[in-house]
């Protein structure tokens, strides 16, 4: 209410509801109805009781409405439940992934479920929660499963909120230098890792494919560690232990 009362008509806003994430022009706040209604430019009105978060946007963006993404099991593992609506309304958008775009988009469609979680029980729980919170027809939300894309939300031309930029490794030279607001960059594969020396970000994660005979990328990383790096213990310093079958090497270098 406080934000809306101070928002001028025509301002671009991002609205997060129970079902949608909307980017549109603000028209008016109708306080003569009960509950109060938010009026947007594209002939839509929303009861404020269904609005979970709202932000006024400064940058240019076309009005668009998309379904509200659900982080699912991975979101619960990362403890995102309480802040998810806020993250959707005001995304940090500070992650980049560099790799082969066709492969990345295919892998981002993978669905995740925590080990030992019962999909049937989880789906029923989602239905019961939705039914209890909705005054209209009950809807179903699968909180047990969520795709990787639902968690990292890659940027696209027709999305209302996003967290992650995707860059093709084959044409990364055209994108350099990367935006200064990035706090983490993932380099997926040898063709992306060859640009390691040109990436300036607080955290850079390189993913090596050990099934490939070419060791150039691995040698580049080891050389950087040996010449400029200071070792970091993943378990003690990062609080993370790699899964079985995964090797991990961490170190810091001065930018």
C-alpha atoms as a PDB file:
ATOM      1  CA  UNK A   1       0.000   0.000   0.000  1.00  0.00           C
ATOM      2  CA  UNK A   2       2.778   2.433   0.888  1.00  0.00           C
ATOM      3  CA  UNK A   3       4.604   1.792  -2.366  1.00  0.00           C
ATOM      4  CA  UNK A   4       1.461   2.114  -4.481  1.00  0.00           C
ATOM      5  CA  UNK A   5       0.365   5.352  -2.825  1.00  0.00           C
ATOM      6  CA  UNK A   6       3.701   6.907  -3.771  1.00  0.00           C
ATOM      7  CA  UNK A   7       3.804   5.490  -7.307  1.00  0.00           C
ATOM      8  CA  UNK A   8       2.933   7.861 -10.123  1.00  0.00           C
ATOM      9  CA  UNK A   9       0.596   6.680 -12.911  1.00  0.00           C
ATOM     10  CA  UNK A  10       2.544   5.367 -15.875  1.00  0.00           C
ATOM     11  CA  UNK A  11       5.402   4.002 -13.803  1.00  0.00           C
ATOM     12  CA  UNK A  12       6.610   0.536 -14.727  1.00  0.00           C
ATOM     13  CA  UNK A  13       6.046  -2.012 -11.958  1.00  0.00           C
ATOM     14  CA  UNK A  14       6.721  -5.695 -11.393  1.00  0.00           C
ATOM     15  CA  UNK A  15       3.911  -7.457  -9.533  1.00  0.00           C
ATOM     16  CA  UNK A  16       4.211 -10.952  -8.037  1.00  0.00           C
ATOM     17  CA  UNK A  17       0.906 -12.707  -7.319  1.00  0.00           C
ATOM     18  CA  UNK A  18       0.024 -16.260  -6.324  1.00  0.00           C
ATOM     19  CA  UNK A  19       0.051 -17.347  -9.975  1.00  0.00           C
ATOM     20  CA  UNK A  20       1.762 -14.697 -12.082  1.00  0.00           C
ATOM     21  CA  UNK A  21       4.720 -12.349 -12.398  1.00  0.00           C
ATOM     22  CA  UNK A  22       3.597  -9.217 -14.223  1.00  0.00           C
ATOM     23  CA  UNK A  23       5.498  -6.279 -15.668  1.00  0.00           C
ATOM     24  CA  UNK A  24       3.115  -3.490 -16.637  1.00  0.00           C
ATOM     25  CA  UNK A  25       2.355   0.217 -16.309  1.00  0.00           C
ATOM     26  CA  UNK A  26       0.714   1.335 -13.085  1.00  0.00           C
ATOM     27  CA  UNK A  27      -2.623   3.104 -13.587  1.00  0.00           C
ATOM     28  CA  UNK A  28      -4.216   3.571 -10.177  1.00  0.00           C
ATOM     29  CA  UNK A  29      -4.845   2.182  -6.727  1.00  0.00           C
ATOM     30  CA  UNK A  30      -8.564   1.743  -6.136  1.00  0.00           C
ATOM     31  CA  UNK A  31      -9.174   2.051  -2.397  1.00  0.00           C
ATOM     32  CA  UNK A  32     -12.938   2.367  -2.768  1.00  0.00           C
ATOM     33  CA  UNK A  33     -13.347  -1.406  -3.089  1.00  0.00           C
ATOM     34  CA  UNK A  34     -12.920  -4.129  -0.503  1.00  0.00           C
ATOM     35  CA  UNK A  35     -10.351  -5.513  -0.870  1.00  0.00           C
ATOM     36  CA  UNK A  36      -8.455  -2.693  -2.568  1.00  0.00           C
ATOM     37  CA  UNK A  37      -7.531  -3.186  -6.213  1.00  0.00           C
ATOM     38  CA  UNK A  38      -4.384  -2.543  -8.207  1.00  0.00           C
ATOM     39  CA  UNK A  39      -5.177  -1.279 -11.722  1.00  0.00           C
ATOM     40  CA  UNK A  40      -2.646  -1.906 -14.498  1.00  0.00           C
ATOM     41  CA  UNK A  41      -2.483  -0.614 -18.051  1.00  0.00           C
ATOM     42  CA  UNK A  42      -3.345  -3.793 -19.942  1.00  0.00           C
ATOM     43  CA  UNK A  43      -6.932  -3.819 -18.660  1.00  0.00           C
ATOM     44  CA  UNK A  44      -6.076  -5.927 -15.617  1.00  0.00           C
ATOM     45  CA  UNK A  45      -7.033  -5.420 -11.987  1.00  0.00           C
ATOM     46  CA  UNK A  46      -5.672  -7.348  -9.032  1.00  0.00           C
ATOM     47  CA  UNK A  47      -6.995  -7.601  -5.504  1.00  0.00           C
ATOM     48  CA  UNK A  48      -4.176  -6.574  -3.185  1.00  0.00           C
ATOM     49  CA  UNK A  49      -4.842  -9.638  -1.034  1.00  0.00           C
ATOM     50  CA  UNK A  50      -3.417 -11.699  -3.929  1.00  0.00           C
ATOM     51  CA  UNK A  51      -0.347  -9.505  -4.457  1.00  0.00           C
ATOM     52  CA  UNK A  52       2.696 -10.986  -2.728  1.00  0.00           C
ATOM     53  CA  UNK A  53       5.381  -8.470  -3.771  1.00  0.00           C
ATOM     54  CA  UNK A  54       5.624  -5.311  -5.873  1.00  0.00           C
ATOM     55  CA  UNK A  55       8.545  -3.230  -7.103  1.00  0.00           C
ATOM     56  CA  UNK A  56       8.810  -0.056  -9.186  1.00  0.00           C
ATOM     57  CA  UNK A  57      11.216  -0.574 -12.093  1.00  0.00           C
ATOM     58  CA  UNK A  58      13.658   1.988 -13.437  1.00  0.00           C
ATOM     59  CA  UNK A  59      15.107   0.340 -16.532  1.00  0.00           C
ATOM     60  CA  UNK A  60      13.321  -0.147 -19.866  1.00  0.00           C
ATOM     61  CA  UNK A  61      11.256  -3.318 -20.206  1.00  0.00           C
ATOM     62  CA  UNK A  62       8.273  -4.290 -22.305  1.00  0.00           C
ATOM     63  CA  UNK A  63       5.055  -5.212 -20.454  1.00  0.00           C
ATOM     64  CA  UNK A  64       4.814  -8.987 -20.147  1.00  0.00           C
ATOM     65  CA  UNK A  65       3.064 -11.556 -17.973  1.00  0.00           C
ATOM     66  CA  UNK A  66       4.416 -15.022 -17.235  1.00  0.00           C
ATOM     67  CA  UNK A  67       3.475 -17.848 -14.897  1.00  0.00           C
ATOM     68  CA  UNK A  68       5.049 -17.623 -11.465  1.00  0.00           C
ATOM     69  CA  UNK A  69       8.007 -20.048 -11.329  1.00  0.00           C
ATOM     70  CA  UNK A  70       8.310 -22.453  -8.394  1.00  0.00           C
ATOM     71  CA  UNK A  71      11.754 -23.464  -7.180  1.00  0.00           C
ATOM     72  CA  UNK A  72      10.520 -26.842  -5.926  1.00  0.00           C
ATOM     73  CA  UNK A  73      12.783 -29.234  -4.050  1.00  0.00           C
ATOM     74  CA  UNK A  74      15.981 -27.389  -4.993  1.00  0.00           C
ATOM     75  CA  UNK A  75      14.516 -24.166  -3.664  1.00  0.00           C
ATOM     76  CA  UNK A  76      13.746 -25.807  -0.332  1.00  0.00           C
ATOM     77  CA  UNK A  77      17.245 -27.273  -0.167  1.00  0.00           C
ATOM     78  CA  UNK A  78      18.616 -23.729  -0.631  1.00  0.00           C
ATOM     79  CA  UNK A  79      16.097 -22.296   1.889  1.00  0.00           C
ATOM     80  CA  UNK A  80      14.480 -19.980  -0.662  1.00  0.00           C
ATOM     81  CA  UNK A  81      10.850 -20.427   0.408  1.00  0.00           C
ATOM     82  CA  UNK A  82      10.564 -17.355   2.627  1.00  0.00           C
ATOM     83  CA  UNK A  83      12.304 -14.986   0.204  1.00  0.00           C
ATOM     84  CA  UNK A  84      11.157 -16.406  -3.132  1.00  0.00           C
ATOM     85  CA  UNK A  85       8.479 -13.779  -3.857  1.00  0.00           C
ATOM     86  CA  UNK A  86      10.911 -11.004  -3.002  1.00  0.00           C
ATOM     87  CA  UNK A  87      13.579 -12.522  -5.248  1.00  0.00           C
ATOM     88  CA  UNK A  88      11.102 -12.694  -8.139  1.00  0.00           C
ATOM     89  CA  UNK A  89      10.060  -9.073  -7.639  1.00  0.00           C
ATOM     90  CA  UNK A  90      13.596  -7.712  -7.243  1.00  0.00           C
ATOM     91  CA  UNK A  91      16.020 -10.206  -8.803  1.00  0.00           C
ATOM     92  CA  UNK A  92      19.742  -9.778  -8.273  1.00  0.00           C
ATOM     93  CA  UNK A  93      20.384 -10.904 -11.887  1.00  0.00           C
ATOM     94  CA  UNK A  94      24.073 -11.362 -11.056  1.00  0.00           C
ATOM     95  CA  UNK A  95      24.830 -14.835 -12.476  1.00  0.00           C
ATOM     96  CA  UNK A  96      26.130 -15.686 -15.950  1.00  0.00           C
ATOM     97  CA  UNK A  97      26.609 -19.083 -17.591  1.00  0.00           C
ATOM     98  CA  UNK A  98      28.867 -19.479 -20.624  1.00  0.00           C
ATOM     99  CA  UNK A  99      28.632 -22.585 -22.772  1.00  0.00           C
ATOM    100  CA  UNK A 100      26.943 -24.146 -25.789  1.00  0.00           C
ATOM    101  CA  UNK A 101      23.478 -22.565 -25.678  1.00  0.00           C
ATOM    102  CA  UNK A 102      21.619 -25.504 -27.217  1.00  0.00           C
ATOM    103  CA  UNK A 103      23.059 -27.861 -24.608  1.00  0.00           C
ATOM    104  CA  UNK A 104      22.522 -25.421 -21.762  1.00  0.00           C
ATOM    105  CA  UNK A 105      18.855 -24.889 -22.612  1.00  0.00           C
ATOM    106  CA  UNK A 106      18.301 -28.627 -22.859  1.00  0.00           C
ATOM    107  CA  UNK A 107      19.939 -29.242 -19.483  1.00  0.00           C
ATOM    108  CA  UNK A 108      18.004 -26.392 -17.840  1.00  0.00           C
ATOM    109  CA  UNK A 109      14.816 -28.295 -18.630  1.00  0.00           C
ATOM    110  CA  UNK A 110      15.817 -31.095 -16.251  1.00  0.00           C
ATOM    111  CA  UNK A 111      13.457 -31.551 -13.295  1.00  0.00           C
ATOM    112  CA  UNK A 112      14.799 -32.119  -9.817  1.00  0.00           C
ATOM    113  CA  UNK A 113      13.452 -33.920  -6.785  1.00  0.00           C
ATOM    114  CA  UNK A 114      15.129 -34.405  -3.424  1.00  0.00           C
ATOM    115  CA  UNK A 115      16.143 -37.951  -2.569  1.00  0.00           C
ATOM    116  CA  UNK A 116      13.492 -39.757  -0.536  1.00  0.00           C
ATOM    117  CA  UNK A 117      10.769 -37.243  -1.374  1.00  0.00           C
ATOM    118  CA  UNK A 118       7.396 -38.731  -2.310  1.00  0.00           C
ATOM    119  CA  UNK A 119       6.103 -36.937  -5.421  1.00  0.00           C
ATOM    120  CA  UNK A 120       2.505 -38.000  -4.762  1.00  0.00           C
ATOM    121  CA  UNK A 121       2.587 -36.726  -1.163  1.00  0.00           C
ATOM    122  CA  UNK A 122       4.271 -33.508  -2.247  1.00  0.00           C
ATOM    123  CA  UNK A 123       1.725 -32.840  -4.982  1.00  0.00           C
ATOM    124  CA  UNK A 124      -1.159 -33.460  -2.560  1.00  0.00           C
ATOM    125  CA  UNK A 125       0.442 -31.090  -0.053  1.00  0.00           C
ATOM    126  CA  UNK A 126       0.693 -28.412  -2.722  1.00  0.00           C
ATOM    127  CA  UNK A 127      -2.945 -28.901  -3.614  1.00  0.00           C
ATOM    128  CA  UNK A 128      -4.071 -28.658   0.010  1.00  0.00           C
ATOM    129  CA  UNK A 129      -2.029 -25.489   0.560  1.00  0.00           C
ATOM    130  CA  UNK A 130      -3.398 -23.921  -2.606  1.00  0.00           C
ATOM    131  CA  UNK A 131      -6.954 -24.822  -1.679  1.00  0.00           C
ATOM    132  CA  UNK A 132      -6.580 -23.314   1.777  1.00  0.00           C
ATOM    133  CA  UNK A 133      -5.077 -20.060   0.507  1.00  0.00           C
ATOM    134  CA  UNK A 134      -7.318 -19.483  -2.500  1.00  0.00           C
ATOM    135  CA  UNK A 135     -10.869 -18.209  -2.187  1.00  0.00           C
ATOM    136  CA  UNK A 136     -11.664 -19.098  -5.763  1.00  0.00           C
ATOM    137  CA  UNK A 137     -11.275 -22.407  -7.577  1.00  0.00           C
ATOM    138  CA  UNK A 138      -8.384 -24.450  -6.105  1.00  0.00           C
ATOM    139  CA  UNK A 139      -5.266 -24.697  -8.194  1.00  0.00           C
ATOM    140  CA  UNK A 140      -2.351 -27.105  -8.131  1.00  0.00           C
ATOM    141  CA  UNK A 141       1.267 -26.164  -7.674  1.00  0.00           C
ATOM    142  CA  UNK A 142       3.972 -28.811  -7.823  1.00  0.00           C
ATOM    143  CA  UNK A 143       6.283 -27.781  -4.996  1.00  0.00           C
ATOM    144  CA  UNK A 144       8.065 -31.125  -5.094  1.00  0.00           C
ATOM    145  CA  UNK A 145       9.601 -30.752  -8.520  1.00  0.00           C
ATOM    146  CA  UNK A 146      11.111 -27.758 -10.247  1.00  0.00           C
ATOM    147  CA  UNK A 147      13.306 -27.478 -13.297  1.00  0.00           C
ATOM    148  CA  UNK A 148      16.742 -25.910 -13.211  1.00  0.00           C
ATOM    149  CA  UNK A 149      15.354 -23.124 -15.384  1.00  0.00           C
ATOM    150  CA  UNK A 150      12.717 -22.380 -12.723  1.00  0.00           C
ATOM    151  CA  UNK A 151      15.486 -21.873 -10.163  1.00  0.00           C
ATOM    152  CA  UNK A 152      18.046 -19.845 -12.126  1.00  0.00           C
ATOM    153  CA  UNK A 153      15.501 -18.127 -14.447  1.00  0.00           C
ATOM    154  CA  UNK A 154      17.560 -17.395 -17.595  1.00  0.00           C
ATOM    155  CA  UNK A 155      17.045 -14.070 -19.329  1.00  0.00           C
ATOM    156  CA  UNK A 156      14.859 -14.104 -22.426  1.00  0.00           C
ATOM    157  CA  UNK A 157      12.968 -11.589 -24.521  1.00  0.00           C
ATOM    158  CA  UNK A 158       9.576 -12.576 -23.129  1.00  0.00           C
ATOM    159  CA  UNK A 159      10.117 -13.082 -19.399  1.00  0.00           C
ATOM    160  CA  UNK A 160       8.852 -10.874 -16.605  1.00  0.00           C
ATOM    161  CA  UNK A 161      11.741 -11.633 -14.229  1.00  0.00           C
ATOM    162  CA  UNK A 162      15.145 -13.279 -14.591  1.00  0.00           C
ATOM    163  CA  UNK A 163      18.239 -14.135 -12.575  1.00  0.00           C
ATOM    164  CA  UNK A 164      20.790 -15.405 -15.104  1.00  0.00           C
ATOM    165  CA  UNK A 165      22.414 -14.345 -18.364  1.00  0.00           C
ATOM    166  CA  UNK A 166      23.368 -17.054 -20.874  1.00  0.00           C
ATOM    167  CA  UNK A 167      26.293 -16.475 -23.233  1.00  0.00           C
ATOM    168  CA  UNK A 168      27.460 -18.659 -26.155  1.00  0.00           C
ATOM    169  CA  UNK A 169      31.084 -19.671 -25.681  1.00  0.00           C
ATOM    170  CA  UNK A 170      31.673 -19.579 -29.448  1.00  0.00           C
ATOM    171  CA  UNK A 171      30.909 -15.843 -29.609  1.00  0.00           C
ATOM    172  CA  UNK A 172      31.929 -14.688 -26.139  1.00  0.00           C
ATOM    173  CA  UNK A 173      34.547 -12.332 -27.585  1.00  0.00           C
ATOM    174  CA  UNK A 174      31.699 -10.153 -28.856  1.00  0.00           C
ATOM    175  CA  UNK A 175      30.284  -9.852 -25.316  1.00  0.00           C
ATOM    176  CA  UNK A 176      33.490  -8.987 -23.472  1.00  0.00           C
ATOM    177  CA  UNK A 177      33.938  -7.405 -21.071  1.00  0.00           C
ATOM    178  CA  UNK A 178      31.043  -8.952 -19.174  1.00  0.00           C
ATOM    179  CA  UNK A 179      28.787  -6.649 -17.109  1.00  0.00           C
ATOM    180  CA  UNK A 180      30.345  -5.365 -13.886  1.00  0.00           C
ATOM    181  CA  UNK A 181      27.296  -6.317 -11.797  1.00  0.00           C
ATOM    182  CA  UNK A 182      27.964 -10.050 -12.179  1.00  0.00           C
ATOM    183  CA  UNK A 183      29.045 -11.739  -8.955  1.00  0.00           C
ATOM    184  CA  UNK A 184      29.406 -15.261 -10.389  1.00  0.00           C
ATOM    185  CA  UNK A 185      30.189 -16.738 -13.810  1.00  0.00           C
ATOM    186  CA  UNK A 186      29.966 -20.426 -14.729  1.00  0.00           C
ATOM    187  CA  UNK A 187      32.215 -21.551 -17.595  1.00  0.00           C
ATOM    188  CA  UNK A 188      30.811 -24.820 -18.925  1.00  0.00           C
ATOM    189  CA  UNK A 189      33.270 -26.816 -20.995  1.00  0.00           C
ATOM    190  CA  UNK A 190      36.613 -26.253 -22.661  1.00  0.00           C
ATOM    191  CA  UNK A 191      35.388 -23.735 -25.223  1.00  0.00           C
ATOM    192  CA  UNK A 192      34.145 -21.502 -22.393  1.00  0.00           C
ATOM    193  CA  UNK A 193      37.109 -22.053 -20.059  1.00  0.00           C
ATOM    194  CA  UNK A 194      39.571 -20.770 -22.678  1.00  0.00           C
ATOM    195  CA  UNK A 195      38.210 -17.275 -21.869  1.00  0.00           C
ATOM    196  CA  UNK A 196      39.031 -17.646 -18.161  1.00  0.00           C
ATOM    197  CA  UNK A 197      41.791 -15.023 -18.171  1.00  0.00           C
ATOM    198  CA  UNK A 198      39.354 -12.432 -19.579  1.00  0.00           C
ATOM    199  CA  UNK A 199      36.607 -12.976 -16.986  1.00  0.00           C
ATOM    200  CA  UNK A 200      36.609 -10.611 -14.018  1.00  0.00           C
ATOM    201  CA  UNK A 201      34.047 -11.635 -11.400  1.00  0.00           C
ATOM    202  CA  UNK A 202      34.198 -12.388  -7.659  1.00  0.00           C
ATOM    203  CA  UNK A 203      33.448 -16.077  -8.285  1.00  0.00           C
ATOM    204  CA  UNK A 204      34.228 -18.082 -11.431  1.00  0.00           C
ATOM    205  CA  UNK A 205      33.278 -21.767 -11.640  1.00  0.00           C
ATOM    206  CA  UNK A 206      34.845 -23.906 -14.361  1.00  0.00           C
ATOM    207  CA  UNK A 207      33.209 -27.220 -15.280  1.00  0.00           C
ATOM    208  CA  UNK A 208      35.532 -29.739 -16.919  1.00  0.00           C
ATOM    209  CA  UNK A 209      34.395 -32.731 -18.933  1.00  0.00           C
ATOM    210  CA  UNK A 210      36.837 -35.506 -18.066  1.00  0.00           C
ATOM    211  CA  UNK A 211      35.442 -37.739 -20.832  1.00  0.00           C
ATOM    212  CA  UNK A 212      37.153 -35.474 -23.363  1.00  0.00           C
ATOM    213  CA  UNK A 213      40.778 -36.300 -24.157  1.00  0.00           C
ATOM    214  CA  UNK A 214      41.743 -32.633 -24.596  1.00  0.00           C
ATOM    215  CA  UNK A 215      43.402 -31.425 -21.366  1.00  0.00           C
ATOM    216  CA  UNK A 216      44.099 -27.849 -22.483  1.00  0.00           C
ATOM    217  CA  UNK A 217      41.356 -26.355 -20.286  1.00  0.00           C
ATOM    218  CA  UNK A 218      42.457 -28.333 -17.230  1.00  0.00           C
ATOM    219  CA  UNK A 219      46.069 -27.301 -17.773  1.00  0.00           C
ATOM    220  CA  UNK A 220      45.028 -23.643 -18.056  1.00  0.00           C
ATOM    221  CA  UNK A 221      43.279 -23.816 -14.676  1.00  0.00           C
ATOM    222  CA  UNK A 222      46.163 -25.640 -12.975  1.00  0.00           C
ATOM    223  CA  UNK A 223      48.686 -23.166 -14.407  1.00  0.00           C
ATOM    224  CA  UNK A 224      46.649 -20.268 -13.049  1.00  0.00           C
ATOM    225  CA  UNK A 225      46.521 -21.945  -9.647  1.00  0.00           C
ATOM    226  CA  UNK A 226      50.253 -22.654  -9.613  1.00  0.00           C
ATOM    227  CA  UNK A 227      51.365 -19.180 -10.733  1.00  0.00           C
ATOM    228  CA  UNK A 228      48.892 -16.806  -9.066  1.00  0.00           C
ATOM    229  CA  UNK A 229      46.617 -18.866  -6.874  1.00  0.00           C
ATOM    230  CA  UNK A 230      46.199 -19.423  -3.163  1.00  0.00           C
ATOM    231  CA  UNK A 231      44.525 -22.740  -2.251  1.00  0.00           C
ATOM    232  CA  UNK A 232      41.001 -22.825  -0.809  1.00  0.00           C
ATOM    233  CA  UNK A 233      39.752 -25.917   1.034  1.00  0.00           C
ATOM    234  CA  UNK A 234      36.262 -26.691  -0.258  1.00  0.00           C
ATOM    235  CA  UNK A 235      35.171 -28.470   2.911  1.00  0.00           C
ATOM    236  CA  UNK A 236      36.662 -26.112   5.522  1.00  0.00           C
ATOM    237  CA  UNK A 237      36.560 -22.758   3.727  1.00  0.00           C
ATOM    238  CA  UNK A 238      33.457 -23.181   1.561  1.00  0.00           C
ATOM    239  CA  UNK A 239      31.471 -25.594   3.709  1.00  0.00           C
ATOM    240  CA  UNK A 240      30.836 -27.859   0.715  1.00  0.00           C
ATOM    241  CA  UNK A 241      31.844 -31.414  -0.062  1.00  0.00           C
ATOM    242  CA  UNK A 242      31.664 -32.559  -3.648  1.00  0.00           C
ATOM    243  CA  UNK A 243      29.440 -35.582  -4.438  1.00  0.00           C
ATOM    244  CA  UNK A 244      30.894 -38.967  -5.266  1.00  0.00           C
ATOM    245  CA  UNK A 245      32.467 -39.071  -8.715  1.00  0.00           C
ATOM    246  CA  UNK A 246      33.150 -35.316  -8.754  1.00  0.00           C
ATOM    247  CA  UNK A 247      36.580 -33.777  -8.247  1.00  0.00           C
ATOM    248  CA  UNK A 248      36.855 -30.153  -7.137  1.00  0.00           C
ATOM    249  CA  UNK A 249      39.762 -27.714  -6.998  1.00  0.00           C
ATOM    250  CA  UNK A 250      39.327 -24.248  -5.496  1.00  0.00           C
ATOM    251  CA  UNK A 251      41.720 -21.324  -5.247  1.00  0.00           C
ATOM    252  CA  UNK A 252      41.766 -17.534  -5.266  1.00  0.00           C
ATOM    253  CA  UNK A 253      43.639 -15.161  -7.559  1.00  0.00           C
ATOM    254  CA  UNK A 254      43.971 -11.376  -7.485  1.00  0.00           C
ATOM    255  CA  UNK A 255      42.026  -9.544 -10.197  1.00  0.00           C
END
